Amino acid sequence: MTLFLSRHPKTRANQQGLILGGRDSPPTLDGLSVFRRVMERLGPEPVAGLVSSPLPRALAGARIGAAMFHCGLRIEPGLSELSCGLWEGRPRAELGLADRPIRRHWDDRPPGGESCLDAETRLAPLIGRLKAENHPAPLLIVGHAAVNRVFLKLWLGLDCMEALALEPGFDEVYVLTPGGGLEILSASEKARTRSCPACSKTGTYC
């Protein structure tokens, strides 16, 4: 089964450099426009259904996708963004995180928040259900930066550092093919293709 894995539209908090995690912020008009362009890159291929995080910023994008592809939408709590605990709502720069990721290791846990290892527990059952469904047409999934890394690790069998090296952008969609391949479609660029889990070892975009 092919999956399209997308990040939610860019929000005001993202523009301001604030940490969101389990909190929410409304998408910007430009963020919504970029999300639509990303969806257009998927072309006329039919989409069997859409699966979304329950957070409003993800649902804003999911509803755009559902309308464009005329497909049903279901909400999966397991796709919620990883909690950042006491850091939520604070500027990244204030915490010394302007130039480094929130989680540098798979078991890094912000104060009162979740690590990527923690998130595996809630994502693993969803991964199992999706693989069992085996839809003939692709599924579109709308999540968040950190939870999408965990999803990619579990779906593709990546190791922790390969998954942490992935940088899901607001203007990209990951295409996961049945043979374990990974293609990245950008709103403004041609597709970039690599075979995973070896992709990060090639030194390209991972």
N, C-alpha and C. Protein backbone atom coordinates (compact mmCIF):
# COMPACT_ATOMS: atom_id res chain seq x y z
N MET A 1 0.84 -1.19 0.00
CA MET A 1 0.00 0.00 0.00
C MET A 1 0.88 1.25 0.00
N THR A 2 0.51 2.22 -0.81
CA THR A 2 1.21 3.50 -0.84
C THR A 2 0.57 4.46 0.16
N LEU A 3 1.42 5.22 0.85
CA LEU A 3 0.95 6.25 1.78
C LEU A 3 1.51 7.60 1.36
N PHE A 4 0.70 8.65 1.50
CA PHE A 4 1.15 10.03 1.39
C PHE A 4 1.20 10.59 2.81
N LEU A 5 2.36 11.00 3.27
CA LEU A 5 2.52 11.50 4.64
C LEU A 5 2.87 12.99 4.59
N SER A 6 2.00 13.81 5.19
CA SER A 6 2.14 15.26 5.11
C SER A 6 2.20 15.88 6.50
N ARG A 7 2.83 17.02 6.57
CA ARG A 7 2.80 17.84 7.78
C ARG A 7 1.63 18.82 7.67
N HIS A 8 1.16 19.30 8.79
CA HIS A 8 0.07 20.28 8.81
C HIS A 8 0.51 21.61 8.18
N PRO A 9 -0.42 22.49 7.82
CA PRO A 9 -0.04 23.81 7.30
C PRO A 9 0.71 24.63 8.35
N LYS A 10 1.57 25.50 7.89
CA LYS A 10 2.35 26.36 8.78
C LYS A 10 1.42 27.27 9.57
N THR A 11 1.73 27.47 10.86
CA THR A 11 0.88 28.25 11.75
C THR A 11 1.54 29.57 12.15
N ARG A 12 0.77 30.40 12.82
CA ARG A 12 1.31 31.67 13.35
C ARG A 12 2.43 31.40 14.35
N ALA A 13 2.22 30.40 15.20
CA ALA A 13 3.24 30.06 16.20
C ALA A 13 4.53 29.59 15.53
N ASN A 14 4.42 28.82 14.44
CA ASN A 14 5.60 28.41 13.71
C ASN A 14 6.35 29.63 13.19
N GLN A 15 5.63 30.61 12.67
CA GLN A 15 6.25 31.83 12.17
C GLN A 15 6.98 32.58 13.28
N GLN A 16 6.41 32.53 14.47
CA GLN A 16 6.96 33.27 15.61
C GLN A 16 8.05 32.51 16.35
N GLY A 17 8.33 31.29 15.92
CA GLY A 17 9.37 30.50 16.58
C GLY A 17 8.95 29.95 17.93
N LEU A 18 7.65 29.74 18.13
CA LEU A 18 7.15 29.19 19.39
C LEU A 18 7.06 27.67 19.33
N ILE A 19 7.25 27.02 20.45
CA ILE A 19 7.11 25.57 20.54
C ILE A 19 5.64 25.24 20.78
N LEU A 20 5.10 24.36 19.97
CA LEU A 20 3.69 24.01 20.09
C LEU A 20 3.46 22.69 20.81
N GLY A 21 3.97 21.59 20.26
CA GLY A 21 3.68 20.29 20.86
C GLY A 21 2.18 20.03 20.87
N GLY A 22 1.62 19.78 22.04
CA GLY A 22 0.20 19.50 22.16
C GLY A 22 -0.70 20.73 22.11
N ARG A 23 -0.10 21.92 22.16
CA ARG A 23 -0.90 23.15 22.01
C ARG A 23 -1.24 23.36 20.55
N ASP A 24 -2.05 24.39 20.28
CA ASP A 24 -2.40 24.64 18.89
C ASP A 24 -2.26 26.11 18.54
N SER A 25 -2.27 26.36 17.24
CA SER A 25 -2.18 27.72 16.70
C SER A 25 -2.81 27.69 15.32
N PRO A 26 -3.53 28.74 14.92
CA PRO A 26 -4.20 28.72 13.61
C PRO A 26 -3.21 28.78 12.46
N PRO A 27 -3.51 28.07 11.38
CA PRO A 27 -2.66 28.16 10.19
C PRO A 27 -2.68 29.57 9.59
N THR A 28 -1.59 29.97 8.99
CA THR A 28 -1.55 31.24 8.27
C THR A 28 -2.20 31.05 6.89
N LEU A 29 -2.59 32.15 6.27
CA LEU A 29 -3.16 32.07 4.92
C LEU A 29 -2.13 31.51 3.94
N ASP A 30 -0.88 31.93 4.09
CA ASP A 30 0.17 31.40 3.23
C ASP A 30 0.38 29.91 3.49
N GLY A 31 0.29 29.51 4.77
CA GLY A 31 0.43 28.09 5.11
C GLY A 31 -0.62 27.24 4.45
N LEU A 32 -1.85 27.72 4.43
CA LEU A 32 -2.94 26.99 3.79
C LEU A 32 -2.73 26.93 2.27
N SER A 33 -2.24 28.03 1.70
CA SER A 33 -1.99 28.07 0.26
C SER A 33 -0.90 27.07 -0.13
N VAL A 34 0.18 27.03 0.65
CA VAL A 34 1.27 26.08 0.37
C VAL A 34 0.76 24.65 0.51
N PHE A 35 -0.06 24.39 1.51
CA PHE A 35 -0.60 23.03 1.71
C PHE A 35 -1.40 22.61 0.48
N ARG A 36 -2.21 23.51 -0.05
CA ARG A 36 -3.00 23.18 -1.26
C ARG A 36 -2.07 22.85 -2.43
N ARG A 37 -0.99 23.61 -2.57
CA ARG A 37 -0.05 23.35 -3.68
C ARG A 37 0.61 21.98 -3.51
N VAL A 38 0.91 21.62 -2.26
CA VAL A 38 1.48 20.30 -2.00
C VAL A 38 0.50 19.21 -2.41
N MET A 39 -0.76 19.38 -2.05
CA MET A 39 -1.77 18.39 -2.40
C MET A 39 -1.92 18.28 -3.92
N GLU A 40 -1.78 19.40 -4.62
CA GLU A 40 -1.90 19.38 -6.08
C GLU A 40 -0.78 18.56 -6.72
N ARG A 41 0.38 18.47 -6.04
CA ARG A 41 1.49 17.68 -6.57
C ARG A 41 1.15 16.19 -6.62
N LEU A 42 0.16 15.76 -5.85
CA LEU A 42 -0.20 14.34 -5.85
C LEU A 42 -0.93 13.96 -7.13
N GLY A 43 -1.39 14.96 -7.88
CA GLY A 43 -1.98 14.71 -9.18
C GLY A 43 -3.36 14.07 -9.10
N PRO A 44 -3.77 13.47 -10.21
CA PRO A 44 -5.13 12.93 -10.28
C PRO A 44 -5.31 11.56 -9.65
N GLU A 45 -4.23 11.00 -9.09
CA GLU A 45 -4.32 9.64 -8.53
C GLU A 45 -5.38 9.59 -7.43
N PRO A 46 -6.26 8.59 -7.44
CA PRO A 46 -7.30 8.51 -6.41
C PRO A 46 -6.71 8.25 -5.03
N VAL A 47 -7.34 8.82 -4.03
CA VAL A 47 -6.94 8.62 -2.63
C VAL A 47 -8.06 7.86 -1.93
N ALA A 48 -7.71 6.75 -1.29
CA ALA A 48 -8.71 5.88 -0.67
C ALA A 48 -9.34 6.52 0.56
N GLY A 49 -8.57 7.33 1.28
CA GLY A 49 -9.08 7.95 2.48
C GLY A 49 -8.02 8.82 3.11
N LEU A 50 -8.41 9.57 4.13
CA LEU A 50 -7.51 10.50 4.79
C LEU A 50 -7.54 10.26 6.29
N VAL A 51 -6.34 10.21 6.89
CA VAL A 51 -6.19 9.98 8.32
C VAL A 51 -5.46 11.17 8.91
N SER A 52 -5.99 11.75 10.00
CA SER A 52 -5.42 12.99 10.53
C SER A 52 -5.23 12.95 12.03
N SER A 53 -4.24 13.70 12.46
CA SER A 53 -4.10 14.06 13.87
C SER A 53 -5.35 14.82 14.30
N PRO A 54 -5.75 14.73 15.58
CA PRO A 54 -6.93 15.47 16.03
C PRO A 54 -6.68 16.95 16.29
N LEU A 55 -5.43 17.40 16.27
CA LEU A 55 -5.16 18.81 16.57
C LEU A 55 -5.68 19.71 15.45
N PRO A 56 -6.29 20.85 15.78
CA PRO A 56 -6.93 21.69 14.77
C PRO A 56 -6.03 22.11 13.62
N ARG A 57 -4.74 22.34 13.87
CA ARG A 57 -3.87 22.76 12.77
C ARG A 57 -3.70 21.65 11.73
N ALA A 58 -3.73 20.40 12.18
CA ALA A 58 -3.67 19.28 11.24
C ALA A 58 -5.01 19.10 10.53
N LEU A 59 -6.09 19.24 11.28
CA LEU A 59 -7.42 19.07 10.68
C LEU A 59 -7.70 20.14 9.62
N ALA A 60 -7.12 21.32 9.79
CA ALA A 60 -7.29 22.37 8.77
C ALA A 60 -6.74 21.90 7.43
N GLY A 61 -5.60 21.24 7.46
CA GLY A 61 -5.05 20.69 6.23
C GLY A 61 -5.80 19.47 5.76
N ALA A 62 -6.17 18.62 6.70
CA ALA A 62 -6.88 17.38 6.34
C ALA A 62 -8.18 17.67 5.62
N ARG A 63 -8.89 18.70 6.05
CA ARG A 63 -10.17 19.04 5.41
C ARG A 63 -9.95 19.54 3.98
N ILE A 64 -8.83 20.24 3.77
CA ILE A 64 -8.50 20.66 2.40
C ILE A 64 -8.28 19.42 1.53
N GLY A 65 -7.50 18.48 2.04
CA GLY A 65 -7.23 17.26 1.29
C GLY A 65 -8.49 16.45 1.03
N ALA A 66 -9.35 16.32 2.04
CA ALA A 66 -10.58 15.55 1.88
C ALA A 66 -11.47 16.16 0.82
N ALA A 67 -11.53 17.49 0.76
CA ALA A 67 -12.35 18.17 -0.25
C ALA A 67 -11.75 18.01 -1.64
N MET A 68 -10.43 18.08 -1.74
CA MET A 68 -9.78 17.98 -3.04
C MET A 68 -9.91 16.57 -3.63
N PHE A 69 -9.80 15.57 -2.77
CA PHE A 69 -9.78 14.18 -3.25
C PHE A 69 -11.13 13.48 -3.07
N HIS A 70 -12.12 14.21 -2.53
CA HIS A 70 -13.46 13.64 -2.36
C HIS A 70 -13.41 12.31 -1.60
N CYS A 71 -12.70 12.33 -0.49
CA CYS A 71 -12.55 11.10 0.29
C CYS A 71 -12.95 11.34 1.74
N GLY A 72 -13.17 10.27 2.45
CA GLY A 72 -13.54 10.36 3.86
C GLY A 72 -12.35 10.74 4.73
N LEU A 73 -12.64 11.25 5.90
CA LEU A 73 -11.62 11.69 6.85
C LEU A 73 -11.85 11.00 8.19
N ARG A 74 -10.81 10.40 8.72
CA ARG A 74 -10.91 9.84 10.06
C ARG A 74 -9.80 10.39 10.94
N ILE A 75 -10.11 10.57 12.20
CA ILE A 75 -9.18 11.15 13.16
C ILE A 75 -8.53 10.05 13.98
N GLU A 76 -7.20 10.11 14.11
CA GLU A 76 -6.45 9.13 14.88
C GLU A 76 -5.66 9.86 15.98
N PRO A 77 -6.05 9.68 17.26
CA PRO A 77 -5.34 10.35 18.35
C PRO A 77 -3.84 10.04 18.39
N GLY A 78 -3.45 8.86 17.90
CA GLY A 78 -2.04 8.50 17.91
C GLY A 78 -1.16 9.40 17.07
N LEU A 79 -1.76 10.15 16.15
CA LEU A 79 -1.01 11.06 15.28
C LEU A 79 -0.82 12.45 15.89
N SER A 80 -1.31 12.66 17.12
CA SER A 80 -1.10 13.95 17.79
C SER A 80 0.40 14.24 17.90
N GLU A 81 0.76 15.51 17.84
CA GLU A 81 2.16 15.87 17.97
C GLU A 81 2.67 15.51 19.36
N LEU A 82 3.96 15.19 19.44
CA LEU A 82 4.57 14.85 20.72
C LEU A 82 4.47 16.03 21.68
N SER A 83 4.10 15.75 22.90
CA SER A 83 4.03 16.81 23.91
C SER A 83 5.42 17.35 24.22
N CYS A 84 5.49 18.67 24.36
CA CYS A 84 6.74 19.32 24.77
C CYS A 84 6.66 19.81 26.21
N GLY A 85 5.61 19.39 26.93
CA GLY A 85 5.52 19.66 28.36
C GLY A 85 5.63 21.13 28.71
N LEU A 86 6.56 21.45 29.61
CA LEU A 86 6.72 22.81 30.12
C LEU A 86 7.26 23.78 29.08
N TRP A 87 7.75 23.27 27.97
CA TRP A 87 8.28 24.14 26.93
C TRP A 87 7.21 24.66 25.99
N GLU A 88 6.02 24.11 26.02
CA GLU A 88 4.99 24.51 25.08
C GLU A 88 4.59 25.97 25.25
N GLY A 89 4.50 26.67 24.13
CA GLY A 89 4.14 28.08 24.13
C GLY A 89 5.31 29.02 24.31
N ARG A 90 6.51 28.47 24.55
CA ARG A 90 7.68 29.32 24.77
C ARG A 90 8.49 29.47 23.49
N PRO A 91 9.19 30.59 23.32
CA PRO A 91 10.03 30.78 22.13
C PRO A 91 11.20 29.81 22.13
N ARG A 92 11.48 29.23 20.98
CA ARG A 92 12.61 28.30 20.88
C ARG A 92 13.91 29.00 21.28
N ALA A 93 14.10 30.25 20.84
CA ALA A 93 15.34 30.97 21.11
C ALA A 93 15.56 31.16 22.60
N GLU A 94 14.48 31.38 23.33
CA GLU A 94 14.56 31.58 24.78
C GLU A 94 15.12 30.35 25.49
N LEU A 95 14.90 29.18 24.90
CA LEU A 95 15.35 27.92 25.50
C LEU A 95 16.63 27.40 24.87
N GLY A 96 17.25 28.22 24.02
CA GLY A 96 18.49 27.78 23.36
C GLY A 96 18.24 26.76 22.27
N LEU A 97 17.03 26.76 21.70
CA LEU A 97 16.67 25.75 20.69
C LEU A 97 16.50 26.36 19.30
N ALA A 98 17.00 27.57 19.12
CA ALA A 98 16.82 28.23 17.82
C ALA A 98 17.57 27.49 16.71
N ASP A 99 18.72 26.92 17.06
CA ASP A 99 19.56 26.29 16.04
C ASP A 99 19.77 24.80 16.28
N ARG A 100 18.96 24.21 17.11
CA ARG A 100 19.07 22.76 17.31
C ARG A 100 17.69 22.16 17.54
N PRO A 101 17.54 20.88 17.26
CA PRO A 101 16.23 20.26 17.44
C PRO A 101 15.83 20.15 18.90
N ILE A 102 14.54 20.03 19.14
CA ILE A 102 14.05 19.86 20.50
C ILE A 102 14.54 18.55 21.10
N ARG A 103 14.59 17.50 20.26
CA ARG A 103 15.03 16.18 20.71
C ARG A 103 16.24 15.75 19.88
N ARG A 104 17.41 15.64 20.52
CA ARG A 104 18.62 15.26 19.79
C ARG A 104 18.83 13.75 19.81
N HIS A 105 18.14 13.06 20.70
CA HIS A 105 18.23 11.61 20.79
C HIS A 105 16.82 11.04 20.87
N TRP A 106 16.67 9.76 20.54
CA TRP A 106 15.34 9.16 20.47
C TRP A 106 14.63 9.16 21.82
N ASP A 107 15.40 9.13 22.90
CA ASP A 107 14.78 9.12 24.24
C ASP A 107 14.86 10.47 24.94
N ASP A 108 15.24 11.54 24.20
CA ASP A 108 15.20 12.89 24.77
C ASP A 108 13.76 13.25 25.10
N ARG A 109 13.55 13.75 26.28
CA ARG A 109 12.19 14.09 26.71
C ARG A 109 12.19 15.52 27.29
N PRO A 110 11.49 16.48 26.65
CA PRO A 110 11.38 17.81 27.24
C PRO A 110 10.74 17.70 28.63
N PRO A 111 11.00 18.64 29.53
CA PRO A 111 10.42 18.56 30.88
C PRO A 111 8.90 18.39 30.85
N GLY A 112 8.42 17.27 31.35
CA GLY A 112 6.99 17.02 31.36
C GLY A 112 6.42 16.59 30.03
N GLY A 113 7.27 16.36 29.02
CA GLY A 113 6.81 16.03 27.68
C GLY A 113 7.09 14.60 27.29
N GLU A 114 7.06 14.35 25.97
CA GLU A 114 7.25 13.01 25.42
C GLU A 114 8.55 12.92 24.63
N SER A 115 9.14 11.73 24.66
CA SER A 115 10.25 11.43 23.76
C SER A 115 9.70 10.71 22.53
N CYS A 116 10.54 10.58 21.51
CA CYS A 116 10.13 9.79 20.33
C CYS A 116 9.88 8.35 20.72
N LEU A 117 10.67 7.85 21.67
CA LEU A 117 10.46 6.48 22.15
C LEU A 117 9.09 6.34 22.80
N ASP A 118 8.68 7.34 23.58
CA ASP A 118 7.34 7.32 24.18
C ASP A 118 6.26 7.23 23.10
N ALA A 119 6.45 8.01 22.04
CA ALA A 119 5.42 8.09 20.99
C ALA A 119 5.30 6.79 20.20
N GLU A 120 6.35 5.98 20.17
CA GLU A 120 6.26 4.70 19.47
C GLU A 120 5.12 3.85 20.05
N THR A 121 4.91 3.95 21.35
CA THR A 121 3.89 3.12 22.00
C THR A 121 2.50 3.40 21.45
N ARG A 122 2.19 4.69 21.20
CA ARG A 122 0.85 5.01 20.71
C ARG A 122 0.75 4.93 19.19
N LEU A 123 1.87 4.99 18.49
CA LEU A 123 1.83 4.90 17.03
C LEU A 123 1.87 3.46 16.52
N ALA A 124 2.50 2.58 17.26
CA ALA A 124 2.66 1.20 16.79
C ALA A 124 1.33 0.52 16.47
N PRO A 125 0.28 0.65 17.32
CA PRO A 125 -1.00 0.03 16.96
C PRO A 125 -1.61 0.61 15.68
N LEU A 126 -1.46 1.92 15.47
CA LEU A 126 -1.97 2.54 14.24
C LEU A 126 -1.23 1.99 13.02
N ILE A 127 0.09 1.88 13.12
CA ILE A 127 0.88 1.32 12.02
C ILE A 127 0.38 -0.08 11.69
N GLY A 128 0.15 -0.88 12.71
CA GLY A 128 -0.33 -2.24 12.50
C GLY A 128 -1.68 -2.27 11.80
N ARG A 129 -2.59 -1.38 12.22
CA ARG A 129 -3.91 -1.34 11.60
C ARG A 129 -3.83 -0.90 10.14
N LEU A 130 -3.01 0.10 9.85
CA LEU A 130 -2.90 0.59 8.48
C LEU A 130 -2.32 -0.49 7.56
N LYS A 131 -1.32 -1.20 8.03
CA LYS A 131 -0.73 -2.25 7.19
C LYS A 131 -1.73 -3.38 6.97
N ALA A 132 -2.57 -3.65 7.95
CA ALA A 132 -3.57 -4.71 7.81
C ALA A 132 -4.68 -4.31 6.84
N GLU A 133 -4.97 -3.00 6.74
CA GLU A 133 -6.05 -2.54 5.85
C GLU A 133 -5.69 -2.75 4.38
N ASN A 134 -4.44 -2.45 4.02
CA ASN A 134 -3.93 -2.73 2.68
C ASN A 134 -4.87 -2.21 1.57
N HIS A 135 -5.13 -0.91 1.58
CA HIS A 135 -6.00 -0.31 0.58
C HIS A 135 -5.36 -0.37 -0.81
N PRO A 136 -6.14 -0.58 -1.85
CA PRO A 136 -5.59 -0.59 -3.21
C PRO A 136 -5.13 0.80 -3.66
N ALA A 137 -5.80 1.85 -3.19
CA ALA A 137 -5.40 3.23 -3.50
C ALA A 137 -4.69 3.82 -2.29
N PRO A 138 -3.87 4.86 -2.50
CA PRO A 138 -3.10 5.43 -1.40
C PRO A 138 -3.97 6.06 -0.31
N LEU A 139 -3.44 6.06 0.90
CA LEU A 139 -4.00 6.81 2.01
C LEU A 139 -3.19 8.08 2.20
N LEU A 140 -3.86 9.17 2.55
CA LEU A 140 -3.20 10.43 2.86
C LEU A 140 -3.24 10.64 4.36
N ILE A 141 -2.08 10.89 4.96
CA ILE A 141 -1.97 11.07 6.41
C ILE A 141 -1.45 12.46 6.69
N VAL A 142 -2.12 13.19 7.59
CA VAL A 142 -1.69 14.53 7.98
C VAL A 142 -1.30 14.52 9.45
N GLY A 143 -0.03 14.79 9.70
CA GLY A 143 0.48 14.77 11.07
C GLY A 143 1.30 16.01 11.39
N HIS A 144 2.42 15.80 12.06
CA HIS A 144 3.27 16.87 12.56
C HIS A 144 4.74 16.47 12.40
N ALA A 145 5.64 17.40 12.60
CA ALA A 145 7.06 17.13 12.35
C ALA A 145 7.58 15.94 13.16
N ALA A 146 7.46 16.00 14.47
CA ALA A 146 8.05 14.95 15.31
C ALA A 146 7.32 13.63 15.18
N VAL A 147 5.99 13.67 15.21
CA VAL A 147 5.25 12.40 15.13
C VAL A 147 5.44 11.76 13.76
N ASN A 148 5.64 12.55 12.71
CA ASN A 148 5.90 11.99 11.39
C ASN A 148 7.25 11.27 11.35
N ARG A 149 8.23 11.77 12.09
CA ARG A 149 9.52 11.06 12.16
C ARG A 149 9.33 9.68 12.79
N VAL A 150 8.55 9.64 13.86
CA VAL A 150 8.29 8.35 14.52
C VAL A 150 7.54 7.42 13.57
N PHE A 151 6.57 7.97 12.87
CA PHE A 151 5.80 7.18 11.90
C PHE A 151 6.74 6.58 10.85
N LEU A 152 7.64 7.40 10.30
CA LEU A 152 8.56 6.94 9.27
C LEU A 152 9.50 5.86 9.80
N LYS A 153 9.95 6.01 11.04
CA LYS A 153 10.82 4.99 11.63
C LYS A 153 10.11 3.64 11.66
N LEU A 154 8.87 3.65 12.14
CA LEU A 154 8.15 2.40 12.30
C LEU A 154 7.72 1.81 10.95
N TRP A 155 7.28 2.67 10.03
CA TRP A 155 6.77 2.17 8.75
C TRP A 155 7.91 1.62 7.87
N LEU A 156 9.05 2.34 7.85
CA LEU A 156 10.15 1.99 6.95
C LEU A 156 11.24 1.16 7.61
N GLY A 157 11.17 0.98 8.93
CA GLY A 157 12.20 0.22 9.62
C GLY A 157 13.51 0.97 9.74
N LEU A 158 13.45 2.30 9.88
CA LEU A 158 14.66 3.11 10.04
C LEU A 158 15.24 2.92 11.43
N ASP A 159 16.53 3.23 11.57
CA ASP A 159 17.05 3.29 12.93
C ASP A 159 16.79 4.69 13.49
N CYS A 160 17.06 4.87 14.77
CA CYS A 160 16.67 6.11 15.45
C CYS A 160 17.33 7.34 14.83
N MET A 161 18.63 7.26 14.55
CA MET A 161 19.32 8.44 14.03
C MET A 161 18.88 8.77 12.61
N GLU A 162 18.56 7.74 11.80
CA GLU A 162 18.04 8.00 10.46
C GLU A 162 16.71 8.75 10.54
N ALA A 163 15.87 8.33 11.47
CA ALA A 163 14.56 8.98 11.62
C ALA A 163 14.71 10.40 12.13
N LEU A 164 15.60 10.63 13.08
CA LEU A 164 15.80 11.97 13.62
C LEU A 164 16.37 12.93 12.57
N ALA A 165 17.09 12.38 11.59
CA ALA A 165 17.69 13.23 10.55
C ALA A 165 16.68 13.74 9.55
N LEU A 166 15.50 13.12 9.49
CA LEU A 166 14.48 13.56 8.55
C LEU A 166 13.91 14.90 8.98
N GLU A 167 13.65 15.78 8.02
CA GLU A 167 13.14 17.12 8.30
C GLU A 167 11.87 17.36 7.50
N PRO A 168 10.72 16.85 7.95
CA PRO A 168 9.48 17.06 7.20
C PRO A 168 9.16 18.55 7.08
N GLY A 169 9.06 19.05 5.85
CA GLY A 169 8.80 20.46 5.63
C GLY A 169 7.32 20.74 5.44
N PHE A 170 6.95 22.00 5.56
CA PHE A 170 5.56 22.40 5.33
C PHE A 170 5.20 22.32 3.85
N ASP A 171 6.20 22.35 2.97
CA ASP A 171 5.93 22.37 1.54
C ASP A 171 6.21 21.02 0.89
N GLU A 172 6.19 19.93 1.67
CA GLU A 172 6.54 18.62 1.16
C GLU A 172 5.51 17.57 1.56
N VAL A 173 5.46 16.51 0.77
CA VAL A 173 4.71 15.32 1.16
C VAL A 173 5.61 14.12 0.89
N TYR A 174 5.65 13.20 1.84
CA TYR A 174 6.44 11.98 1.70
C TYR A 174 5.56 10.91 1.06
N VAL A 175 6.06 10.28 0.02
CA VAL A 175 5.35 9.18 -0.64
C VAL A 175 6.06 7.89 -0.27
N LEU A 176 5.36 7.03 0.46
CA LEU A 176 5.92 5.76 0.93
C LEU A 176 5.33 4.65 0.06
N THR A 177 6.19 4.00 -0.71
CA THR A 177 5.73 3.01 -1.68
C THR A 177 5.82 1.60 -1.10
N PRO A 178 5.07 0.65 -1.69
CA PRO A 178 5.01 -0.70 -1.12
C PRO A 178 6.36 -1.39 -0.99
N GLY A 179 7.32 -1.08 -1.86
CA GLY A 179 8.61 -1.74 -1.79
C GLY A 179 9.56 -1.15 -0.77
N GLY A 180 9.09 -0.22 0.06
CA GLY A 180 9.95 0.40 1.05
C GLY A 180 10.65 1.64 0.53
N GLY A 181 10.18 2.16 -0.60
CA GLY A 181 10.80 3.36 -1.16
C GLY A 181 10.25 4.63 -0.54
N LEU A 182 11.02 5.69 -0.65
CA LEU A 182 10.62 7.00 -0.14
C LEU A 182 10.83 8.03 -1.23
N GLU A 183 9.77 8.73 -1.58
CA GLU A 183 9.84 9.83 -2.55
C GLU A 183 9.32 11.08 -1.86
N ILE A 184 10.02 12.19 -2.05
CA ILE A 184 9.59 13.45 -1.46
C ILE A 184 9.12 14.38 -2.57
N LEU A 185 7.86 14.77 -2.51
CA LEU A 185 7.31 15.73 -3.46
C LEU A 185 7.24 17.10 -2.80
N SER A 186 7.79 18.10 -3.46
CA SER A 186 7.77 19.46 -2.95
C SER A 186 6.79 20.30 -3.74
N ALA A 187 6.26 21.32 -3.11
CA ALA A 187 5.33 22.23 -3.79
C ALA A 187 6.00 22.96 -4.95
N SER A 188 7.32 23.04 -4.92
CA SER A 188 7.99 23.85 -5.94
C SER A 188 9.11 23.12 -6.67
N GLU A 189 9.38 21.84 -6.31
CA GLU A 189 10.49 21.13 -6.92
C GLU A 189 10.05 19.80 -7.49
N LYS A 190 10.91 19.21 -8.30
CA LYS A 190 10.66 17.87 -8.79
C LYS A 190 10.86 16.86 -7.66
N ALA A 191 10.32 15.67 -7.85
CA ALA A 191 10.43 14.64 -6.83
C ALA A 191 11.88 14.21 -6.63
N ARG A 192 12.22 13.91 -5.39
CA ARG A 192 13.51 13.36 -5.05
C ARG A 192 13.28 11.96 -4.51
N THR A 193 13.94 10.97 -5.05
CA THR A 193 13.65 9.59 -4.68
C THR A 193 14.90 8.91 -4.13
N ARG A 194 14.71 8.16 -3.06
CA ARG A 194 15.76 7.32 -2.51
C ARG A 194 15.13 6.05 -1.98
N SER A 195 15.93 5.02 -1.83
CA SER A 195 15.44 3.78 -1.24
C SER A 195 15.73 3.81 0.25
N CYS A 196 14.74 3.59 1.06
CA CYS A 196 14.91 3.57 2.51
C CYS A 196 14.90 2.12 2.99
N PRO A 197 15.59 1.80 4.09
CA PRO A 197 16.14 2.73 5.08
C PRO A 197 17.54 3.27 4.79
N ALA A 198 18.12 3.03 3.65
CA ALA A 198 19.48 3.48 3.39
C ALA A 198 19.56 4.94 3.00
N CYS A 199 18.42 5.65 2.90
CA CYS A 199 18.43 6.99 2.33
C CYS A 199 19.37 7.94 3.07
N SER A 200 19.37 7.89 4.40
CA SER A 200 20.19 8.85 5.13
C SER A 200 21.67 8.60 4.91
N LYS A 201 22.04 7.40 4.52
CA LYS A 201 23.45 7.07 4.31
C LYS A 201 23.97 7.63 3.00
N THR A 202 23.06 8.07 2.11
CA THR A 202 23.48 8.60 0.83
C THR A 202 23.86 10.08 0.95
N GLY A 203 23.48 10.72 2.06
CA GLY A 203 23.83 12.11 2.25
C GLY A 203 23.03 13.06 1.38
N THR A 204 21.83 12.68 0.98
CA THR A 204 21.03 13.56 0.13
C THR A 204 20.17 14.45 1.01
N TYR A 205 18.89 14.15 1.17
CA TYR A 205 18.04 15.05 1.91
C TYR A 205 17.74 14.58 3.31
N CYS A 206 18.25 13.45 3.71
CA CYS A 206 17.94 12.97 5.06
C CYS A 206 18.92 13.52 6.04
